[in-house]
C-alpha atoms as a PDB file:
ATOM      1  CA  MET A   1      52.555 -67.983 -60.842  1.00  0.00           C
ATOM      2  CA  CYS A   2      51.423 -68.687 -57.333  1.00  0.00           C
ATOM      3  CA  PHE A   3      47.480 -68.157 -56.140  1.00  0.00           C
ATOM      4  CA  CYS A   4      46.910 -67.086 -52.468  1.00  0.00           C
ATOM      5  CA  LEU A   5      43.704 -66.704 -51.079  1.00  0.00           C
ATOM      6  CA  GLY A   6      43.065 -64.173 -48.493  1.00  0.00           C
ATOM      7  CA  ILE A   7      45.027 -61.314 -47.076  1.00  0.00           C
ATOM      8  CA  LEU A   8      49.034 -61.987 -47.619  1.00  0.00           C
ATOM      9  CA  LEU A   9      51.509 -60.743 -44.918  1.00  0.00           C
ATOM     10  CA  LEU A  10      54.491 -59.055 -47.043  1.00  0.00           C
ATOM     11  CA  GLY A  11      53.051 -60.476 -50.292  1.00  0.00           C
ATOM     12  CA  GLY A  12      54.577 -64.003 -49.624  1.00  0.00           C
ATOM     13  CA  CYS A  13      51.726 -66.687 -50.554  1.00  0.00           C
ATOM     14  CA  ASP A  14      52.974 -68.891 -47.805  1.00  0.00           C
ATOM     15  CA  MET A  15      51.637 -66.426 -45.358  1.00  0.00           C
ATOM     16  CA  ILE A  16      48.185 -65.967 -45.490  1.00  0.00           C
ATOM     17  CA  GLU A  17      47.198 -63.908 -42.209  1.00  0.00           C
ATOM     18  CA  TYR A  18      43.533 -64.210 -43.125  1.00  0.00           C
ATOM     19  CA  HIS A  19      41.324 -66.629 -45.407  1.00  0.00           C
ATOM     20  CA  PRO A  20      38.092 -64.709 -46.568  1.00  0.00           C
ATOM     21  CA  TYR A  21      35.476 -67.534 -45.493  1.00  0.00           C
ATOM     22  CA  ASP A  22      37.001 -68.146 -42.088  1.00  0.00           C
ATOM     23  CA  LEU A  23      34.272 -68.634 -39.526  1.00  0.00           C
ATOM     24  CA  ASP A  24      36.089 -68.591 -36.363  1.00  0.00           C
ATOM     25  CA  ILE A  25      35.047 -65.446 -34.319  1.00  0.00           C
ATOM     26  CA  ASP A  26      37.247 -63.824 -31.828  1.00  0.00           C
ATOM     27  CA  GLY A  27      35.842 -62.311 -29.049  1.00  0.00           C
ATOM     28  CA  GLU A  28      32.411 -61.962 -27.814  1.00  0.00           C
ATOM     29  CA  THR A  29      29.073 -63.669 -29.478  1.00  0.00           C
ATOM     30  CA  ASP A  30      25.178 -63.570 -29.180  1.00  0.00           C
ATOM     31  CA  VAL A  31      26.046 -59.655 -28.834  1.00  0.00           C
ATOM     32  CA  ASN A  32      21.988 -58.698 -29.404  1.00  0.00           C
ATOM     33  CA  ARG A  33      20.537 -61.211 -27.336  1.00  0.00           C
ATOM     34  CA  ARG A  34      23.298 -59.744 -24.089  1.00  0.00           C
ATOM     35  CA  ASN A  35      22.649 -56.074 -24.845  1.00  0.00           C
ATOM     36  CA  ILE A  36      18.238 -56.698 -25.480  1.00  0.00           C
ATOM     37  CA  GLU A  37      18.703 -58.023 -22.125  1.00  0.00           C
ATOM     38  CA  ARG A  38      20.460 -55.004 -20.933  1.00  0.00           C
ATOM     39  CA  ILE A  39      18.008 -52.637 -22.685  1.00  0.00           C
ATOM     40  CA  GLU A  40      14.775 -54.457 -21.283  1.00  0.00           C
ATOM     41  CA  THR A  41      15.909 -54.551 -18.055  1.00  0.00           C
ATOM     42  CA  ALA A  42      16.873 -50.727 -17.611  1.00  0.00           C
ATOM     43  CA  THR A  43      13.940 -49.382 -19.596  1.00  0.00           C
ATOM     44  CA  TYR A  44      11.710 -51.346 -17.594  1.00  0.00           C
ATOM     45  CA  ARG A  45       8.407 -49.340 -17.143  1.00  0.00           C
ATOM     46  CA  LYS A  46      10.175 -46.314 -18.631  1.00  0.00           C
ATOM     47  CA  GLU A  47       7.703 -43.783 -19.792  1.00  0.00           C
ATOM     48  CA  GLU A  48      10.001 -42.360 -22.162  1.00  0.00           C
ATOM     49  CA  ILE A  49      12.345 -44.016 -24.782  1.00  0.00           C
ATOM     50  CA  ARG A  50      14.978 -42.259 -26.422  1.00  0.00           C
ATOM     51  CA  PHE A  51      17.316 -44.282 -28.790  1.00  0.00           C
ATOM     52  CA  ALA A  52      19.784 -43.244 -31.564  1.00  0.00           C
ATOM     53  CA  VAL A  53      19.839 -44.952 -35.378  1.00  0.00           C
ATOM     54  CA  ILE A  54      23.140 -44.986 -37.179  1.00  0.00           C
ATOM     55  CA  SER A  55      23.477 -47.292 -40.482  1.00  0.00           C
ATOM     56  CA  ASP A  56      25.709 -48.349 -42.864  1.00  0.00           C
ATOM     57  CA  THR A  57      28.983 -48.052 -41.348  1.00  0.00           C
ATOM     58  CA  GLN A  58      31.085 -50.394 -43.791  1.00  0.00           C
ATOM     59  CA  ARG A  59      34.530 -49.023 -44.181  1.00  0.00           C
ATOM     60  CA  TRP A  60      34.272 -45.860 -42.469  1.00  0.00           C
ATOM     61  CA  TYR A  61      35.609 -46.963 -39.017  1.00  0.00           C
ATOM     62  CA  ASP A  62      37.313 -43.898 -38.043  1.00  0.00           C
ATOM     63  CA  GLU A  63      33.857 -41.910 -38.744  1.00  0.00           C
ATOM     64  CA  THR A  64      31.788 -45.166 -36.890  1.00  0.00           C
ATOM     65  CA  GLU A  65      34.301 -44.352 -33.893  1.00  0.00           C
ATOM     66  CA  ASP A  66      33.284 -40.529 -33.742  1.00  0.00           C
ATOM     67  CA  ALA A  67      30.020 -41.809 -33.961  1.00  0.00           C
ATOM     68  CA  VAL A  68      30.508 -43.746 -30.746  1.00  0.00           C
ATOM     69  CA  GLU A  69      32.364 -41.130 -28.739  1.00  0.00           C
ATOM     70  CA  ALA A  70      29.189 -38.001 -29.936  1.00  0.00           C
ATOM     71  CA  LEU A  71      26.603 -40.535 -28.599  1.00  0.00           C
ATOM     72  CA  ASN A  72      28.770 -41.144 -25.885  1.00  0.00           C
ATOM     73  CA  ARG A  73      28.327 -37.454 -24.824  1.00  0.00           C
ATOM     74  CA  ARG A  74      24.631 -37.346 -24.321  1.00  0.00           C
ATOM     75  CA  ASP A  75      23.190 -38.187 -21.186  1.00  0.00           C
ATOM     76  CA  ASP A  76      19.525 -38.985 -22.217  1.00  0.00           C
ATOM     77  CA  LEU A  77      20.040 -42.320 -24.415  1.00  0.00           C
ATOM     78  CA  ASP A  78      18.650 -45.355 -23.734  1.00  0.00           C
ATOM     79  CA  PHE A  79      20.310 -47.161 -26.678  1.00  0.00           C
ATOM     80  CA  VAL A  80      21.552 -47.679 -30.429  1.00  0.00           C
ATOM     81  CA  LEU A  81      20.286 -49.181 -33.391  1.00  0.00           C
ATOM     82  CA  HIS A  82      22.308 -49.982 -35.947  1.00  0.00           C
ATOM     83  CA  THR A  83      20.143 -51.111 -39.587  1.00  0.00           C
ATOM     84  CA  GLY A  84      23.048 -52.840 -41.313  1.00  0.00           C
ATOM     85  CA  ASP A  85      25.861 -53.172 -43.522  1.00  0.00           C
ATOM     86  CA  MET A  86      28.477 -53.063 -41.094  1.00  0.00           C
ATOM     87  CA  SER A  87      30.206 -54.503 -43.635  1.00  0.00           C
ATOM     88  CA  ASP A  88      31.719 -54.870 -47.317  1.00  0.00           C
ATOM     89  CA  PHE A  89      32.184 -58.079 -48.221  1.00  0.00           C
ATOM     90  CA  GLY A  90      30.763 -59.812 -45.639  1.00  0.00           C
ATOM     91  CA  LEU A  91      34.181 -60.731 -43.913  1.00  0.00           C
ATOM     92  CA  LYS A  92      34.667 -61.391 -40.333  1.00  0.00           C
ATOM     93  CA  LEU A  93      37.593 -59.138 -39.526  1.00  0.00           C
ATOM     94  CA  GLU A  94      34.870 -56.360 -40.533  1.00  0.00           C
ATOM     95  CA  PHE A  95      32.388 -57.212 -38.375  1.00  0.00           C
ATOM     96  CA  GLU A  96      34.822 -58.060 -35.479  1.00  0.00           C
ATOM     97  CA  LYS A  97      35.825 -54.697 -36.207  1.00  0.00           C
ATOM     98  CA  GLN A  98      32.900 -52.454 -36.141  1.00  0.00           C
ATOM     99  CA  ARG A  99      31.401 -54.854 -33.105  1.00  0.00           C
ATOM    100  CA  ASP A 100      34.680 -53.749 -31.231  1.00  0.00           C
ATOM    101  CA  ILE A 101      34.185 -50.242 -32.353  1.00  0.00           C
ATOM    102  CA  LEU A 102      30.287 -50.050 -31.219  1.00  0.00           C
ATOM    103  CA  SER A 103      30.832 -52.154 -27.958  1.00  0.00           C
ATOM    104  CA  GLY A 104      32.936 -48.803 -26.771  1.00  0.00           C
ATOM    105  CA  LEU A 105      29.299 -46.772 -26.303  1.00  0.00           C
ATOM    106  CA  LYS A 106      27.904 -46.298 -23.075  1.00  0.00           C
ATOM    107  CA  VAL A 107      24.398 -47.958 -23.927  1.00  0.00           C
ATOM    108  CA  PRO A 108      23.743 -50.881 -25.347  1.00  0.00           C
ATOM    109  CA  PHE A 109      23.380 -51.257 -28.860  1.00  0.00           C
ATOM    110  CA  VAL A 110      21.275 -53.939 -31.494  1.00  0.00           C
ATOM    111  CA  CYS A 111      22.607 -54.955 -35.057  1.00  0.00           C
ATOM    112  CA  LEU A 112      20.349 -55.124 -38.058  1.00  0.00           C
ATOM    113  CA  LEU A 113      21.593 -57.429 -41.195  1.00  0.00           C
ATOM    114  CA  GLY A 114      22.276 -55.360 -44.414  1.00  0.00           C
ATOM    115  CA  ASN A 115      22.758 -56.400 -47.663  1.00  0.00           C
ATOM    116  CA  HIS A 116      26.381 -56.168 -47.683  1.00  0.00           C
ATOM    117  CA  ASP A 117      26.556 -58.240 -44.651  1.00  0.00           C
ATOM    118  CA  CYS A 118      25.526 -61.101 -46.673  1.00  0.00           C
ATOM    119  CA  LEU A 119      28.088 -61.472 -48.633  1.00  0.00           C
ATOM    120  CA  ALA A 120      30.529 -64.328 -48.813  1.00  0.00           C
ATOM    121  CA  THR A 121      30.007 -66.130 -45.448  1.00  0.00           C
ATOM    122  CA  GLY A 122      28.666 -62.668 -44.092  1.00  0.00           C
ATOM    123  CA  LEU A 123      25.374 -64.314 -42.835  1.00  0.00           C
ATOM    124  CA  ASP A 124      26.715 -67.080 -40.849  1.00  0.00           C
ATOM    125  CA  VAL A 125      29.313 -64.628 -39.963  1.00  0.00           C
ATOM    126  CA  PHE A 126      26.408 -62.095 -38.440  1.00  0.00           C
ATOM    127  CA  ARG A 127      24.179 -64.883 -36.583  1.00  0.00           C
ATOM    128  CA  LYS A 128      27.723 -66.256 -35.012  1.00  0.00           C
ATOM    129  CA  ILE A 129      28.525 -62.688 -33.857  1.00  0.00           C
ATOM    130  CA  PHE A 130      24.584 -60.670 -33.820  1.00  0.00           C
ATOM    131  CA  GLY A 131      22.055 -63.662 -33.943  1.00  0.00           C
ATOM    132  CA  THR A 132      19.331 -64.020 -35.729  1.00  0.00           C
ATOM    133  CA  GLU A 133      18.157 -61.596 -38.591  1.00  0.00           C
ATOM    134  CA  ASP A 134      14.477 -61.267 -37.420  1.00  0.00           C
ATOM    135  CA  PHE A 135      14.244 -60.399 -34.052  1.00  0.00           C
ATOM    136  CA  ALA A 136      11.864 -58.304 -31.468  1.00  0.00           C
ATOM    137  CA  PHE A 137      12.527 -56.306 -27.789  1.00  0.00           C
ATOM    138  CA  THR A 138      11.076 -54.259 -25.670  1.00  0.00           C
ATOM    139  CA  ALA A 139      11.653 -51.182 -24.258  1.00  0.00           C
ATOM    140  CA  GLY A 140       9.337 -49.616 -21.790  1.00  0.00           C
ATOM    141  CA  ASN A 141       5.969 -49.839 -23.816  1.00  0.00           C
ATOM    142  CA  VAL A 142       7.418 -50.085 -27.248  1.00  0.00           C
ATOM    143  CA  ARG A 143       7.935 -53.605 -28.643  1.00  0.00           C
ATOM    144  CA  PHE A 144      10.414 -53.463 -31.300  1.00  0.00           C
ATOM    145  CA  LEU A 145      10.346 -55.363 -34.696  1.00  0.00           C
ATOM    146  CA  CYS A 146      13.844 -55.513 -36.339  1.00  0.00           C
ATOM    147  CA  LEU A 147      13.521 -57.176 -39.654  1.00  0.00           C
ATOM    148  CA  ASN A 148      15.836 -58.591 -42.519  1.00  0.00           C
ATOM    149  CA  THR A 149      14.443 -56.942 -45.862  1.00  0.00           C
ATOM    150  CA  ASN A 150      17.638 -58.073 -48.169  1.00  0.00           C
ATOM    151  CA  ALA A 151      15.431 -60.208 -50.252  1.00  0.00           C
ATOM    152  CA  LEU A 152      17.401 -59.489 -53.294  1.00  0.00           C
ATOM    153  CA  GLU A 153      20.482 -61.196 -51.388  1.00  0.00           C
ATOM    154  CA  PHE A 154      18.646 -64.256 -50.521  1.00  0.00           C
ATOM    155  CA  ASP A 155      17.143 -64.848 -54.496  1.00  0.00           C
ATOM    156  CA  TYR A 156      13.713 -64.607 -53.535  1.00  0.00           C
ATOM    157  CA  SER A 157      14.058 -68.135 -52.161  1.00  0.00           C
ATOM    158  CA  SER A 158      13.349 -67.382 -48.570  1.00  0.00           C
ATOM    159  CA  ALA A 159      10.558 -65.597 -47.130  1.00  0.00           C
ATOM    160  CA  VAL A 160      12.514 -61.717 -46.979  1.00  0.00           C
ATOM    161  CA  PRO A 161      10.783 -59.876 -45.054  1.00  0.00           C
ATOM    162  CA  ASN A 162       9.537 -62.689 -43.002  1.00  0.00           C
ATOM    163  CA  ILE A 163       5.718 -62.127 -42.793  1.00  0.00           C
ATOM    164  CA  GLN A 164       5.329 -64.995 -40.453  1.00  0.00           C
ATOM    165  CA  PHE A 165       7.805 -64.097 -38.008  1.00  0.00           C
ATOM    166  CA  ILE A 166       5.479 -60.452 -38.064  1.00  0.00           C
ATOM    167  CA  ARG A 167       2.046 -62.478 -37.979  1.00  0.00           C
ATOM    168  CA  ASP A 168       3.602 -64.495 -34.910  1.00  0.00           C
ATOM    169  CA  GLU A 169       5.087 -60.954 -33.407  1.00  0.00           C
ATOM    170  CA  GLY A 170       1.414 -59.447 -33.581  1.00  0.00           C
ATOM    171  CA  ASP A 171      -0.201 -62.881 -32.260  1.00  0.00           C
ATOM    172  CA  HIS A 172       1.825 -62.932 -28.956  1.00  0.00           C
ATOM    173  CA  VAL A 173       2.150 -59.009 -27.798  1.00  0.00           C
ATOM    174  CA  PRO A 174       4.071 -59.433 -24.343  1.00  0.00           C
ATOM    175  CA  GLU A 175       2.095 -57.625 -21.974  1.00  0.00           C
ATOM    176  CA  GLY A 176       2.760 -53.979 -21.658  1.00  0.00           C
ATOM    177  CA  VAL A 177       3.248 -53.367 -24.784  1.00  0.00           C
ATOM    178  CA  GLU A 178       1.522 -50.296 -26.046  1.00  0.00           C
ATOM    179  CA  LYS A 179       2.968 -49.036 -29.352  1.00  0.00           C
ATOM    180  CA  THR A 180       5.425 -50.599 -32.021  1.00  0.00           C
ATOM    181  CA  VAL A 181       8.936 -49.022 -33.729  1.00  0.00           C
ATOM    182  CA  VAL A 182       9.948 -51.277 -37.172  1.00  0.00           C
ATOM    183  CA  ALA A 183      13.463 -51.482 -38.029  1.00  0.00           C
ATOM    184  CA  MET A 184      14.736 -52.550 -41.270  1.00  0.00           C
ATOM    185  CA  HIS A 185      17.990 -52.296 -43.636  1.00  0.00           C
ATOM    186  CA  ALA A 186      16.345 -51.727 -46.727  1.00  0.00           C
ATOM    187  CA  GLY A 187      12.907 -49.633 -47.036  1.00  0.00           C
ATOM    188  CA  PRO A 188      10.054 -50.504 -49.038  1.00  0.00           C
ATOM    189  CA  PHE A 189      10.262 -49.970 -53.151  1.00  0.00           C
ATOM    190  CA  SER A 190      14.137 -50.340 -52.780  1.00  0.00           C
ATOM    191  CA  GLU A 191      15.938 -52.512 -55.161  1.00  0.00           C
ATOM    192  CA  GLN A 192      16.776 -55.011 -52.148  1.00  0.00           C
ATOM    193  CA  PHE A 193      13.054 -55.213 -51.110  1.00  0.00           C
ATOM    194  CA  ASN A 194      10.325 -57.908 -52.022  1.00  0.00           C
ATOM    195  CA  ASN A 195       8.127 -55.616 -53.628  1.00  0.00           C
ATOM    196  CA  ASN A 196       5.635 -57.735 -54.561  1.00  0.00           C
ATOM    197  CA  ILE A 197       4.788 -58.378 -50.916  1.00  0.00           C
ATOM    198  CA  ALA A 198       5.612 -54.455 -49.789  1.00  0.00           C
ATOM    199  CA  GLU A 199       1.664 -53.571 -49.388  1.00  0.00           C
ATOM    200  CA  TYR A 200       0.866 -56.951 -47.626  1.00  0.00           C
ATOM    201  CA  PHE A 201       4.448 -56.125 -45.411  1.00  0.00           C
ATOM    202  CA  HIS A 202       3.131 -52.600 -44.334  1.00  0.00           C
ATOM    203  CA  TYR A 203      -0.270 -54.029 -43.947  1.00  0.00           C
ATOM    204  CA  TYR A 204       0.994 -56.639 -41.203  1.00  0.00           C
ATOM    205  CA  LEU A 205       2.971 -53.798 -39.686  1.00  0.00           C
ATOM    206  CA  LYS A 206       0.025 -52.223 -38.326  1.00  0.00           C
ATOM    207  CA  GLU A 207      -1.957 -55.251 -37.174  1.00  0.00           C
ATOM    208  CA  MET A 208       0.702 -54.416 -34.520  1.00  0.00           C
ATOM    209  CA  PRO A 209       0.122 -52.249 -31.127  1.00  0.00           C
ATOM    210  CA  ASP A 210       0.194 -48.846 -32.545  1.00  0.00           C
ATOM    211  CA  LEU A 211       2.439 -48.982 -34.990  1.00  0.00           C
ATOM    212  CA  GLN A 212       4.440 -45.086 -34.376  1.00  0.00           C
ATOM    213  CA  PHE A 213       6.816 -45.395 -37.295  1.00  0.00           C
ATOM    214  CA  CYS A 214       9.555 -47.116 -39.066  1.00  0.00           C
ATOM    215  CA  VAL A 215      13.605 -46.714 -39.965  1.00  0.00           C
ATOM    216  CA  TYR A 216      15.758 -47.574 -41.791  1.00  0.00           C
ATOM    217  CA  GLY A 217      18.883 -47.420 -44.384  1.00  0.00           C
ATOM    218  CA  HIS A 218      21.127 -48.551 -47.133  1.00  0.00           C
ATOM    219  CA  GLY A 219      20.278 -45.308 -49.021  1.00  0.00           C
ATOM    220  CA  HIS A 220      22.980 -43.284 -47.613  1.00  0.00           C
ATOM    221  CA  ASN A 221      20.705 -40.906 -47.273  1.00  0.00           C
ATOM    222  CA  VAL A 222      18.773 -38.545 -44.695  1.00  0.00           C
ATOM    223  CA  SER A 223      14.559 -38.949 -45.958  1.00  0.00           C
ATOM    224  CA  VAL A 224      11.371 -39.110 -44.611  1.00  0.00           C
ATOM    225  CA  ASP A 225       8.774 -41.061 -46.526  1.00  0.00           C
ATOM    226  CA  GLU A 226       4.719 -41.964 -45.915  1.00  0.00           C
ATOM    227  CA  PHE A 227       4.860 -44.584 -48.441  1.00  0.00           C
ATOM    228  CA  PHE A 228       1.918 -45.842 -48.247  1.00  0.00           C
ATOM    229  CA  ASP A 229      -0.339 -42.633 -47.697  1.00  0.00           C
ATOM    230  CA  ASP A 230      -1.424 -43.607 -44.319  1.00  0.00           C
ATOM    231  CA  GLY A 231       0.253 -41.719 -41.650  1.00  0.00           C
ATOM    232  CA  ILE A 232       2.844 -44.053 -41.437  1.00  0.00           C
ATOM    233  CA  LYS A 233       6.060 -42.565 -41.516  1.00  0.00           C
ATOM    234  CA  TYR A 234       9.482 -44.347 -42.791  1.00  0.00           C
ATOM    235  CA  TYR A 235      12.693 -42.414 -41.639  1.00  0.00           C
ATOM    236  CA  GLU A 236      16.099 -43.411 -43.599  1.00  0.00           C
ATOM    237  CA  CYS A 237      19.384 -43.361 -41.889  1.00  0.00           C
ATOM    238  CA  SER A 238      22.491 -42.079 -43.936  1.00  0.00           C
ATOM    239  CA  CYS A 239      25.818 -43.387 -43.680  1.00  0.00           C
ATOM    240  CA  ALA A 240      28.965 -43.098 -41.241  1.00  0.00           C
ATOM    241  CA  LYS A 241      30.878 -40.774 -44.108  1.00  0.00           C
ATOM    242  CA  ASP A 242      27.783 -38.325 -43.619  1.00  0.00           C
ATOM    243  CA  ARG A 243      28.662 -38.132 -39.961  1.00  0.00           C
ATOM    244  CA  SER A 244      25.187 -38.277 -38.642  1.00  0.00           C
ATOM    245  CA  TYR A 245      22.557 -40.068 -36.341  1.00  0.00           C
ATOM    246  CA  LEU A 246      18.585 -40.237 -36.105  1.00  0.00           C
ATOM    247  CA  PHE A 247      17.511 -39.542 -32.831  1.00  0.00           C
ATOM    248  CA  PHE A 248      13.945 -40.398 -31.538  1.00  0.00           C
ATOM    249  CA  THR A 249      11.855 -39.710 -28.225  1.00  0.00           C
ATOM    250  CA  LEU A 250       9.008 -41.348 -27.322  1.00  0.00           C
ATOM    251  CA  ASN A 251       6.331 -40.606 -25.027  1.00  0.00           C
ATOM    252  CA  SER A 252       2.908 -40.630 -23.861  1.00  0.00           C
ATOM    253  CA  ASN A 253       2.390 -37.667 -26.406  1.00  0.00           C
ATOM    254  CA  GLY A 254       4.061 -39.173 -29.379  1.00  0.00           C
ATOM    255  CA  TYR A 255       7.269 -38.757 -30.795  1.00  0.00           C
ATOM    256  CA  THR A 256       9.816 -36.371 -31.777  1.00  0.00           C
ATOM    257  CA  TYR A 257      12.994 -36.982 -34.749  1.00  0.00           C
ATOM    258  CA  GLU A 258      15.985 -35.257 -34.941  1.00  0.00           C
ATOM    259  CA  VAL A 259      18.954 -35.865 -37.408  1.00  0.00           C
ATOM    260  CA  VAL A 260      21.706 -35.137 -35.259  1.00  0.00           C
ATOM    261  CA  ASN A 261      25.025 -34.108 -37.159  1.00  0.00           C
ATOM    262  CA  PHE A 262      28.700 -35.018 -35.491  1.00  0.00           C
END
């Protein structure tokens, strides 16, 4: 009996189309850095920032294409945040397909690491296509912290979430930043999060300039929670299957939030 790895063409064991651990990336790499440059340039000194949040597009390619079409119909959008789980199995082809669909957006986008994105060699693929799993950027006067919170996938052996990264961001706030928004995949008190340090994590987020709110995905639901009873809300975005996204507007009056169905 013959054994084959990968996806087979016509069932022939000598015709392997794709190896599951392939790291030879086809197409654009370093996507987040390139798009961050676009975001920071386009929003420089802008007084009102508008962005959408999508999440958990894994395996729902048609729905993701529909989300891109819906977002492209807007004329009031600065950028899109994807809060993770582009893949189901951490396969290169999944990331490449999602990247190519999202590249159809008229505005720049950045992608966070999800727990499914860590499977197999997914972490290595994510790093090649999108970049580091903890990163930050500035839009207008708002600092966006994008964090890896998938502690379970790292066996609690790495700094997840990376408190030192958050502290360094707090110690080196770019000039002109007045507010902060935090994005992550798994929210506090989920099974993925390192809940032993949840309070500690939130404490250092609040050390950032004027923390407005946090956004996350993972649960495949829309919800709004105040996990730490201090007025800071955590907004959960649903999965692509549910055909909705979150839309936020930040300006000198604060922020507004809505769930948009498409």
